Amino acid sequence: MVDLIVDRISKIRVGCGDLSMKVAFTVGVDATCLVPAWQVDDSHDVIVGGEAPSHFLQMKDKCAVELKEILQEYKDGKYGDPATEG
């Protein structure tokens, strides 16, 4: 991608006859890939990534035993499959 951008900038500079000209550009990136997995977000005390309504499950105030049970339930499919792009 970098080579493509450098090439475009070079073509603009050559076309304008000024090889030191500053060129402004914008790059758009489609970063909407959805990984089919659950993630533990301990900074917000939640498990995220399941299908709605299980896409955001609070972990706050749960002990280690409860968290282990919840994670096993996710693994066993109690909360559905991990969310995927539809």
Protein backbone atom coordinates (compact mmCIF):
# COMPACT_ATOMS: atom_id res chain seq x y z
CA MET A 1 0.00 0.00 0.00
CA VAL A 2 2.87 2.36 0.81
CA ASP A 3 4.42 1.78 -2.62
CA LEU A 4 1.09 2.59 -4.27
CA ILE A 5 0.81 5.88 -2.36
CA VAL A 6 4.43 6.86 -3.11
CA ASP A 7 3.85 6.08 -6.79
CA ARG A 8 0.73 8.25 -6.92
CA ILE A 9 2.49 11.16 -5.21
CA SER A 10 5.40 10.87 -7.66
CA LYS A 11 3.00 10.96 -10.63
CA ILE A 12 1.31 14.09 -9.26
CA ARG A 13 4.66 15.82 -8.66
CA VAL A 14 5.98 14.89 -12.14
CA GLY A 15 2.71 15.98 -13.74
CA CYS A 16 2.93 19.36 -12.00
CA GLY A 17 6.64 19.75 -12.84
CA ASP A 18 7.65 20.21 -9.17
CA LEU A 19 9.35 17.16 -7.59
CA SER A 20 9.46 18.79 -4.13
CA MET A 21 5.79 19.83 -4.06
CA LYS A 22 3.82 18.83 -0.96
CA VAL A 23 0.86 16.60 -1.80
CA ALA A 24 -2.09 16.15 0.55
CA PHE A 25 -4.13 12.95 0.35
CA THR A 26 -6.65 10.94 2.30
CA VAL A 27 -6.65 7.18 2.79
CA GLY A 28 -9.86 5.33 3.59
CA VAL A 29 -9.65 1.90 5.20
CA ASP A 30 -12.50 -0.57 5.58
CA ALA A 31 -11.59 -2.25 8.85
CA THR A 32 -14.93 -3.86 9.60
CA CYS A 33 -13.75 -7.46 9.67
CA LEU A 34 -15.56 -9.25 12.47
CA VAL A 35 -13.58 -12.06 14.05
CA PRO A 36 -15.91 -14.88 15.17
CA ALA A 37 -14.68 -15.05 18.76
CA TRP A 38 -15.46 -13.82 22.24
CA GLN A 39 -13.06 -11.46 23.92
CA VAL A 40 -12.57 -10.72 27.59
CA ASP A 41 -12.29 -6.94 27.96
CA ASP A 42 -11.03 -6.63 31.51
CA SER A 43 -10.61 -2.85 31.22
CA HIS A 44 -14.44 -2.63 31.05
CA ASP A 45 -15.21 -5.87 32.95
CA VAL A 46 -17.17 -7.44 30.09
CA ILE A 47 -17.10 -10.33 27.65
CA VAL A 48 -17.83 -9.12 24.11
CA GLY A 49 -18.33 -10.71 20.72
CA GLY A 50 -21.38 -12.96 20.99
CA GLU A 51 -24.59 -12.68 19.06
CA ALA A 52 -27.16 -10.23 20.45
CA PRO A 53 -28.37 -10.17 23.18
CA SER A 54 -25.25 -11.91 24.52
CA HIS A 55 -22.83 -9.55 22.78
CA PHE A 56 -21.92 -7.67 25.96
CA LEU A 57 -21.91 -9.65 29.22
CA GLN A 58 -20.92 -7.93 32.46
CA MET A 59 -18.20 -9.58 34.55
CA LYS A 60 -18.10 -6.92 37.26
CA ASP A 61 -18.50 -8.20 40.82
CA LYS A 62 -18.18 -11.85 39.78
CA CYS A 63 -15.75 -14.12 41.62
CA ALA A 64 -13.25 -16.41 39.87
CA VAL A 65 -15.58 -19.43 40.20
CA GLU A 66 -18.48 -17.54 38.56
CA LEU A 67 -16.22 -16.30 35.75
CA LYS A 68 -14.95 -19.82 35.13
CA GLU A 69 -18.56 -21.06 34.91
CA ILE A 70 -19.52 -18.23 32.54
CA LEU A 71 -16.55 -18.92 30.26
CA GLN A 72 -17.43 -22.63 30.21
CA GLU A 73 -21.04 -21.72 29.31
CA TYR A 74 -19.73 -19.62 26.41
CA LYS A 75 -17.57 -22.52 25.29
CA ASP A 76 -20.55 -24.92 25.55
CA GLY A 77 -22.72 -22.66 23.38
CA LYS A 78 -25.17 -21.43 26.03
CA TYR A 79 -24.86 -17.87 24.72
CA GLY A 80 -24.98 -18.85 21.05
CA ASP A 81 -22.20 -18.79 18.51
CA PRO A 82 -19.64 -16.03 18.30
CA ALA A 83 -20.96 -13.18 16.18
CA THR A 84 -20.04 -13.36 12.49
CA GLU A 85 -20.48 -11.09 9.52
CA GLY A 86 -23.86 -11.77 7.99
